[in-house]
Amino acid sequence: MALQISGGRVLAGAFETADLAVRDGMIAVADAPLPDNALRLDATGLLVLPGLVDCHGDAFERHIMPRPGVSFDIELALRDADRALLASGITTAFHGVTWSWEPGLRGAENARRLVEAIERLGPELGADTRFHLRHETYNLDAEAEILAWLAAGRVGVLAFNDHMEGTLKSRSRPDKVSKMVERTGLSHEDFMLLVENVHSRRDEVSGSIERLAAAARSAGVPTFSHDDMTPQMRRWYRGLGVAVAEFPIDEETTREAAAHGEPIVFGAPNVVRGGSHTGCPAAEEMVRQGLCTILASDYYYPALPLAPFLLAERGAASFEAAWKLVSQGPAEALGLTDRGVIAPGKRADLVLIAPEPQPRIVATIAGGRLVHLADQRILA
């Protein structure tokens, strides 16, 4: 598909009113000839921005299981999630799939079905959709299979997650434990017995992490450490080649990552809501201090395109710098050098936004294809 986008304010380093040409899925030079049947979009009054790169999004889980114990077909859920992604301007999506030691939504069978479904449906989806494996580090029995997935190129990102300590601490909080139990389909007694059995193998965890990190490094797969608890923990993961700090738990740990120039991920919902709902650092404040290089949708896709506007409005960053947090920043951290910026020769991932009164996604272009259109009046 060939496209011409005219009259918009294009963010190509800085804003300029310019026309864009798209051909064969790539951004062409401005004066590139286009065929007579090229689709022409009038972007007058709109911002033309690089498409969003979402390194961590797990809102798709609600498309699979909208209520505890109520599941829907994975292909149906992924197609529905794709529409939600595109309506939020997300052109590259890493679905955060948790493979835990627990059964149910985050169990082995669901993880296997998801990696297969993403591979199978990928060519049909509008967003470039990839597999972000959120590996629960106590899930020791999964190691051999994950090693095989890494070697076969089936994993887009490997993140090391450890929610065991939080689970143990939650035993005295029935409200929190009940949510976990509902997700697994087990009885309360069976769930707590499982927790004790899994935790009894804690001495095996660090060796498993080391082997998986080495395998990911050999396969060229980016690795994240999730919820780093202390600067020492970040340093340990750094020593394993795990270069991205995802949702560090406090400012001291965040500064440890920043001091070594490491990519640091916080959640866009944290920005939109005005703070963390779990007592972790406020993402807006981290941006102000230069301690955040990437924003992710986390659990709510619409927060990702909105967060840069709010950061700029509140004076936390210039809009250009804020948009980099959702485009160029994650693309660079993930090794996706073909996207995240608007420049000739780059992949044509673009989002057209009406900035006022509230930012609204008018059109999304992914890989040079118009995959979402909310206002036909821009068709020239």
Protein backbone atom coordinates (compact mmCIF):
# COMPACT_ATOMS: atom_id res chain seq x y z
CA MET A 1 0.00 0.00 0.00
CA ALA A 2 1.22 3.49 -0.87
CA LEU A 3 0.17 6.44 1.29
CA GLN A 4 0.53 10.17 1.28
CA ILE A 5 -0.07 12.07 4.51
CA SER A 6 -0.27 15.80 4.01
CA GLY A 7 -0.61 18.89 6.19
CA GLY A 8 0.14 17.35 9.57
CA ARG A 9 2.59 18.43 12.26
CA VAL A 10 5.17 15.67 11.92
CA LEU A 11 7.41 14.74 14.86
CA ALA A 12 10.72 13.92 13.21
CA GLY A 13 13.12 14.90 15.96
CA ALA A 14 11.26 18.21 16.25
CA PHE A 15 7.83 19.20 14.98
CA GLU A 16 7.45 20.52 11.46
CA THR A 17 4.48 20.86 9.15
CA ALA A 18 5.33 18.47 6.35
CA ASP A 19 4.03 15.83 3.99
CA LEU A 20 4.96 12.17 4.37
CA ALA A 21 5.16 9.51 1.71
CA VAL A 22 4.86 5.81 2.53
CA ARG A 23 5.70 3.04 0.11
CA ASP A 24 6.26 -0.71 0.53
CA GLY A 25 5.74 -0.41 4.26
CA MET A 26 8.51 2.14 4.70
CA ILE A 27 8.71 5.90 5.07
CA ALA A 28 9.90 7.27 1.75
CA VAL A 29 11.70 10.50 0.97
CA ALA A 30 9.32 13.45 0.89
CA ASP A 31 9.26 13.86 -2.88
CA ALA A 32 9.08 10.14 -3.71
CA PRO A 33 6.68 9.45 -6.60
CA LEU A 34 3.56 7.54 -5.58
CA PRO A 35 1.15 5.60 -7.78
CA ASP A 36 -2.14 7.20 -8.80
CA ASN A 37 -4.05 4.81 -6.54
CA ALA A 38 -2.12 5.82 -3.40
CA LEU A 39 -4.29 6.43 -0.38
CA ARG A 40 -4.17 10.10 0.57
CA LEU A 41 -4.80 11.34 4.10
CA ASP A 42 -5.36 14.98 5.05
CA ALA A 43 -3.69 15.40 8.45
CA THR A 44 -4.34 19.13 8.74
CA GLY A 45 -4.70 19.98 12.43
CA LEU A 46 -3.33 16.59 13.49
CA LEU A 47 -0.08 15.43 15.02
CA VAL A 48 1.75 12.75 13.03
CA LEU A 49 3.81 10.75 15.51
CA PRO A 50 5.89 7.56 15.55
CA GLY A 51 3.76 4.53 16.39
CA LEU A 52 3.88 3.39 19.99
CA VAL A 53 6.14 0.48 20.98
CA ASP A 54 4.71 -1.28 24.03
CA CYS A 55 7.35 -3.44 25.69
CA HIS A 56 5.04 -4.76 28.40
CA GLY A 57 1.29 -5.04 28.18
CA ASP A 58 -0.86 -7.65 29.88
CA ALA A 59 -4.30 -6.09 29.44
CA PHE A 60 -4.98 -8.85 26.91
CA GLU A 61 -5.43 -11.22 29.89
CA ARG A 62 -8.80 -9.57 30.50
CA HIS A 63 -9.79 -10.42 26.92
CA ILE A 64 -9.06 -14.07 27.70
CA MET A 65 -10.55 -14.12 31.21
CA PRO A 66 -12.81 -11.08 31.71
CA ARG A 67 -14.07 -12.56 34.96
CA PRO A 68 -12.34 -15.03 37.31
CA GLY A 69 -12.89 -18.54 35.95
CA VAL A 70 -14.66 -17.29 32.79
CA SER A 71 -12.41 -17.93 29.76
CA PHE A 72 -12.78 -17.25 26.05
CA ASP A 73 -11.05 -18.65 22.99
CA ILE A 74 -7.47 -17.35 22.75
CA GLU A 75 -7.68 -16.47 19.06
CA LEU A 76 -10.86 -14.48 19.64
CA ALA A 77 -9.20 -12.73 22.58
CA LEU A 78 -6.02 -11.88 20.68
CA ARG A 79 -7.95 -10.45 17.73
CA ASP A 80 -10.04 -8.34 20.10
CA ALA A 81 -6.91 -7.18 21.95
CA ASP A 82 -5.35 -6.25 18.59
CA ARG A 83 -8.21 -3.88 17.87
CA ALA A 84 -7.75 -2.30 21.29
CA LEU A 85 -4.02 -1.88 20.67
CA LEU A 86 -4.53 -0.18 17.32
CA ALA A 87 -7.19 2.14 18.73
CA SER A 88 -4.50 3.25 21.20
CA GLY A 89 -1.89 3.82 18.48
CA ILE A 90 0.21 0.83 19.54
CA THR A 91 1.92 -0.55 16.45
CA THR A 92 4.40 -2.90 18.17
CA ALA A 93 3.11 -4.91 21.11
CA PHE A 94 4.89 -7.31 23.41
CA HIS A 95 2.16 -9.28 25.15
CA GLY A 96 3.31 -9.88 28.72
CA VAL A 97 2.50 -13.57 29.19
CA THR A 98 3.10 -14.80 32.73
CA TRP A 99 4.19 -18.42 33.00
CA SER A 100 4.00 -19.22 36.65
CA TRP A 101 4.25 -22.24 38.92
CA GLU A 102 0.50 -21.89 39.44
CA PRO A 103 -2.14 -23.48 37.21
CA GLY A 104 -4.95 -21.63 35.42
CA LEU A 105 -4.64 -18.32 33.59
CA ARG A 106 -0.89 -18.11 34.23
CA GLY A 107 -0.14 -21.80 33.98
CA ALA A 108 1.87 -23.86 31.50
CA GLU A 109 -0.93 -24.79 29.11
CA ASN A 110 -2.06 -21.21 28.72
CA ALA A 111 1.50 -20.04 28.06
CA ARG A 112 1.94 -22.71 25.40
CA ARG A 113 -1.34 -21.86 23.75
CA LEU A 114 -0.47 -18.17 23.72
CA VAL A 115 2.98 -18.54 22.15
CA GLU A 116 1.46 -20.75 19.46
CA ALA A 117 -1.48 -18.41 18.86
CA ILE A 118 0.73 -15.32 18.60
CA GLU A 119 2.92 -17.09 16.06
CA ARG A 120 -0.07 -18.36 14.10
CA LEU A 121 -2.07 -15.13 14.09
CA GLY A 122 0.84 -12.71 13.79
CA PRO A 123 0.56 -12.14 10.02
CA GLU A 124 -3.15 -11.35 10.36
CA LEU A 125 -2.90 -8.89 13.23
CA GLY A 126 -2.58 -5.16 12.68
CA ALA A 127 0.07 -4.59 15.35
CA ASP A 128 3.45 -6.30 15.17
CA THR A 129 2.66 -8.64 18.04
CA ARG A 130 5.39 -10.46 19.95
CA PHE A 131 5.80 -12.69 22.98
CA HIS A 132 7.07 -11.18 26.24
CA LEU A 133 7.64 -14.13 28.54
CA ARG A 134 7.18 -13.10 32.15
CA HIS A 135 8.99 -16.04 33.72
CA GLU A 136 8.22 -16.62 37.38
CA THR A 137 11.64 -17.57 38.68
CA TYR A 138 10.25 -20.23 41.03
CA ASN A 139 8.75 -22.00 38.02
CA LEU A 140 11.73 -24.32 37.93
CA ASP A 141 10.03 -27.12 36.02
CA ALA A 142 9.62 -24.81 33.01
CA GLU A 143 13.34 -24.15 32.54
CA ALA A 144 14.06 -26.78 29.90
CA GLU A 145 11.10 -25.74 27.77
CA ILE A 146 11.96 -22.04 28.01
CA LEU A 147 15.55 -22.82 26.97
CA ALA A 148 14.14 -24.54 23.87
CA TRP A 149 11.87 -21.56 23.13
CA LEU A 150 14.79 -19.16 23.39
CA ALA A 151 16.91 -21.24 21.03
CA ALA A 152 14.03 -21.47 18.54
CA GLY A 153 13.44 -17.70 18.49
CA ARG A 154 9.96 -17.94 19.99
CA VAL A 155 10.54 -15.34 22.76
CA GLY A 156 10.68 -11.60 22.05
CA VAL A 157 11.55 -10.56 25.61
CA LEU A 158 12.41 -12.65 28.66
CA ALA A 159 11.57 -10.99 31.97
CA PHE A 160 12.50 -12.43 35.35
CA ASN A 161 9.61 -12.10 37.79
CA ASP A 162 9.48 -13.20 41.41
CA HIS A 163 6.13 -12.84 43.10
CA MET A 164 6.74 -15.65 45.59
CA GLU A 165 7.71 -13.38 48.48
CA GLY A 166 4.63 -11.26 47.87
CA THR A 167 2.49 -14.38 47.82
CA LEU A 168 3.93 -15.55 51.11
CA LYS A 169 3.31 -12.16 52.70
CA SER A 170 -0.28 -12.19 51.44
CA ARG A 171 -1.19 -15.31 53.40
CA SER A 172 -2.51 -13.10 56.18
CA ARG A 173 -4.59 -11.02 53.74
CA PRO A 174 -7.64 -13.01 52.61
CA ASP A 175 -8.60 -10.33 50.06
CA LYS A 176 -5.33 -10.70 48.16
CA VAL A 177 -5.08 -14.47 48.44
CA SER A 178 -8.64 -14.91 47.17
CA LYS A 179 -7.76 -13.17 43.90
CA MET A 180 -4.81 -15.50 43.37
CA VAL A 181 -6.89 -18.55 44.21
CA GLU A 182 -9.67 -17.53 41.81
CA ARG A 183 -7.13 -17.21 39.00
CA THR A 184 -5.83 -20.75 39.53
CA GLY A 185 -9.08 -22.64 39.96
CA LEU A 186 -7.71 -24.40 43.05
CA SER A 187 -9.22 -24.54 46.51
CA HIS A 188 -7.66 -22.26 49.11
CA GLU A 189 -6.09 -25.22 50.89
CA ASP A 190 -4.60 -26.68 47.71
CA PHE A 191 -3.24 -23.31 46.65
CA MET A 192 -1.46 -22.72 49.95
CA LEU A 193 -0.02 -26.26 49.85
CA LEU A 194 1.29 -25.56 46.34
CA VAL A 195 2.92 -22.34 47.54
CA GLU A 196 4.74 -24.20 50.32
CA ASN A 197 5.94 -26.96 47.98
CA VAL A 198 7.21 -24.51 45.37
CA HIS A 199 8.93 -22.31 47.96
CA SER A 200 10.76 -25.31 49.38
CA ARG A 201 12.92 -25.33 46.21
CA ARG A 202 14.15 -21.76 46.73
CA ASP A 203 17.83 -22.79 46.74
CA GLU A 204 17.53 -23.83 43.09
CA VAL A 205 16.21 -20.50 41.81
CA SER A 206 19.41 -18.47 41.33
CA GLY A 207 21.09 -21.20 39.29
CA SER A 208 18.07 -21.43 37.01
CA ILE A 209 18.05 -17.67 36.47
CA GLU A 210 21.75 -17.74 35.56
CA ARG A 211 21.25 -20.47 32.96
CA LEU A 212 18.24 -18.77 31.39
CA ALA A 213 19.97 -15.38 31.27
CA ALA A 214 22.97 -16.92 29.54
CA ALA A 215 20.75 -18.68 27.00
CA ALA A 216 18.84 -15.47 26.26
CA ARG A 217 22.09 -13.60 25.79
CA SER A 218 23.33 -16.25 23.35
CA ALA A 219 20.04 -16.09 21.43
CA GLY A 220 20.06 -12.28 21.26
CA VAL A 221 16.83 -12.02 23.27
CA PRO A 222 16.45 -8.85 25.40
CA THR A 223 16.07 -9.54 29.12
CA PHE A 224 14.34 -7.54 31.84
CA SER A 225 14.45 -7.82 35.62
CA HIS A 226 11.02 -7.11 37.04
CA ASP A 227 10.43 -5.32 40.35
CA ASP A 228 14.08 -5.05 41.37
CA MET A 229 13.87 -4.75 45.15
CA THR A 230 17.30 -3.33 45.98
CA PRO A 231 20.38 -1.84 44.28
CA GLN A 232 22.15 -5.12 45.08
CA MET A 233 19.50 -7.04 43.17
CA ARG A 234 19.93 -4.75 40.15
CA ARG A 235 23.69 -5.23 40.30
CA TRP A 236 23.26 -9.00 40.41
CA TYR A 237 21.04 -8.99 37.35
CA ARG A 238 23.45 -6.62 35.58
CA GLY A 239 26.20 -9.15 36.14
CA LEU A 240 24.08 -11.70 34.26
CA GLY A 241 23.64 -9.35 31.29
CA VAL A 242 20.05 -8.46 32.21
CA ALA A 243 20.20 -4.86 31.09
CA VAL A 244 16.66 -3.47 31.48
CA ALA A 245 15.18 -2.55 34.87
CA GLU A 246 11.43 -2.99 34.69
CA PHE A 247 9.39 -1.32 37.46
CA PRO A 248 12.16 -0.96 40.09
CA ILE A 249 10.56 -0.93 43.48
CA ASP A 250 12.10 2.25 44.92
CA GLU A 251 14.07 5.34 43.92
CA GLU A 252 17.39 4.09 45.26
CA THR A 253 17.20 1.00 43.04
CA THR A 254 16.10 3.14 40.11
CA ARG A 255 19.15 5.37 40.58
CA GLU A 256 21.39 2.31 40.54
CA ALA A 257 20.09 1.47 37.06
CA ALA A 258 20.30 5.08 35.88
CA ALA A 259 23.91 5.42 37.04
CA HIS A 260 24.85 2.69 34.59
CA GLY A 261 22.83 4.09 31.71
CA GLU A 262 20.36 1.21 31.74
CA PRO A 263 16.86 1.44 30.26
CA ILE A 264 14.27 1.88 33.02
CA VAL A 265 10.60 1.00 32.53
CA PHE A 266 7.66 2.45 34.43
CA GLY A 267 3.95 2.20 33.76
CA ALA A 268 1.94 4.72 31.78
CA PRO A 269 -1.10 4.09 34.04
CA ASN A 270 1.09 5.31 36.90
CA VAL A 271 1.45 8.66 35.05
CA VAL A 272 -2.22 8.93 34.13
CA ARG A 273 -3.47 8.09 37.62
CA GLY A 274 -0.96 10.42 39.29
CA GLY A 275 1.01 7.74 41.09
CA SER A 276 1.52 4.05 41.71
CA HIS A 277 -1.37 2.02 43.10
CA THR A 278 1.14 -0.23 44.90
CA GLY A 279 3.26 2.40 46.62
CA CYS A 280 6.14 2.24 44.13
CA PRO A 281 7.84 5.35 42.70
CA ALA A 282 5.60 7.87 40.92
CA ALA A 283 6.44 7.57 37.22
CA GLU A 284 5.96 11.29 36.60
CA GLU A 285 8.52 12.14 39.25
CA MET A 286 10.94 9.59 37.80
CA VAL A 287 10.56 11.26 34.40
CA ARG A 288 11.23 14.68 35.94
CA GLN A 289 14.46 13.38 37.45
CA GLY A 290 15.62 11.61 34.30
CA LEU A 291 15.09 8.21 35.94
CA CYS A 292 12.65 6.77 33.39
CA THR A 293 13.49 5.99 29.76
CA ILE A 294 10.48 3.85 28.81
CA LEU A 295 6.77 3.86 29.56
CA ALA A 296 4.71 0.69 29.08
CA SER A 297 0.96 0.19 28.94
CA ASP A 298 1.21 -2.37 31.76
CA TYR A 299 -2.46 -3.20 32.42
CA TYR A 300 -4.26 -0.42 30.47
CA TYR A 301 -3.59 0.28 26.78
CA PRO A 302 -5.18 3.78 26.54
CA ALA A 303 -2.76 5.12 29.16
CA LEU A 304 0.20 4.75 26.80
CA PRO A 305 -0.71 7.43 24.21
CA LEU A 306 -2.16 9.74 26.88
CA ALA A 307 0.80 9.76 29.26
CA PRO A 308 3.17 11.86 27.08
CA PHE A 309 0.52 14.59 26.72
CA LEU A 310 0.05 14.71 30.49
CA LEU A 311 3.79 14.78 31.15
CA ALA A 312 4.18 17.72 28.78
CA GLU A 313 1.12 19.52 30.20
CA ARG A 314 2.45 19.16 33.75
CA GLY A 315 5.93 20.32 32.79
CA ALA A 316 7.62 17.01 33.58
CA ALA A 317 9.20 16.86 30.10
CA SER A 318 8.89 18.41 26.69
CA PHE A 319 6.38 16.65 24.49
CA GLU A 320 9.16 15.50 22.16
CA ALA A 321 11.04 13.90 25.07
CA ALA A 322 7.85 12.43 26.52
CA TRP A 323 6.85 10.80 23.21
CA LYS A 324 10.30 9.24 22.98
CA LEU A 325 9.42 7.28 26.14
CA VAL A 326 6.74 5.39 24.21
CA SER A 327 8.43 5.08 20.83
CA GLN A 328 12.17 5.47 20.34
CA GLY A 329 13.09 4.57 23.93
CA PRO A 330 11.50 1.10 23.97
CA ALA A 331 12.46 0.43 20.35
CA GLU A 332 16.14 1.03 21.12
CA ALA A 333 16.05 -1.04 24.32
CA LEU A 334 14.53 -3.94 22.39
CA GLY A 335 16.97 -3.70 19.52
CA LEU A 336 14.27 -2.65 17.03
CA THR A 337 16.36 -0.22 15.03
CA ASP A 338 13.86 -0.08 12.17
CA ARG A 339 11.17 1.83 14.09
CA GLY A 340 10.41 4.33 16.84
CA VAL A 341 11.26 7.42 14.76
CA ILE A 342 9.94 9.07 11.61
CA ALA A 343 12.71 9.08 9.01
CA PRO A 344 13.17 7.83 5.43
CA GLY A 345 13.93 4.12 5.35
CA LYS A 346 12.28 3.38 8.69
CA ARG A 347 9.24 1.16 9.09
CA ALA A 348 6.07 3.18 8.50
CA ASP A 349 4.53 2.91 11.96
CA LEU A 350 2.58 6.11 12.52
CA VAL A 351 -0.25 7.46 14.62
CA LEU A 352 -2.35 10.51 13.76
CA ILE A 353 -3.70 12.28 16.83
CA ALA A 354 -6.13 15.16 17.30
CA PRO A 355 -4.48 16.82 20.33
CA GLU A 356 -7.42 18.77 21.75
CA PRO A 357 -9.55 18.96 23.81
CA GLN A 358 -8.38 15.48 24.87
CA PRO A 359 -5.89 13.57 22.72
CA ARG A 360 -7.78 11.30 20.34
CA ILE A 361 -6.38 8.64 18.03
CA VAL A 362 -7.68 9.41 14.55
CA ALA A 363 -5.69 6.87 12.53
CA THR A 364 -3.03 4.22 13.04
CA ILE A 365 -0.67 3.02 10.33
CA ALA A 366 1.39 -0.11 11.00
CA GLY A 367 3.96 -1.37 8.55
CA GLY A 368 2.59 1.03 5.95
CA ARG A 369 -0.98 -0.25 6.29
CA LEU A 370 -3.90 1.84 7.50
CA VAL A 371 -5.12 -0.47 10.27
CA HIS A 372 -7.32 1.89 12.30
CA LEU A 373 -9.42 4.82 11.16
CA ALA A 374 -11.70 6.69 13.54
CA ASP A 375 -12.59 9.67 11.32
CA GLN A 376 -13.23 9.23 7.60
CA ARG A 377 -13.04 12.98 7.05
CA ILE A 378 -9.25 12.70 6.76
CA LEU A 379 -9.59 10.63 3.57
CA ALA A 380 -8.55 13.11 0.90
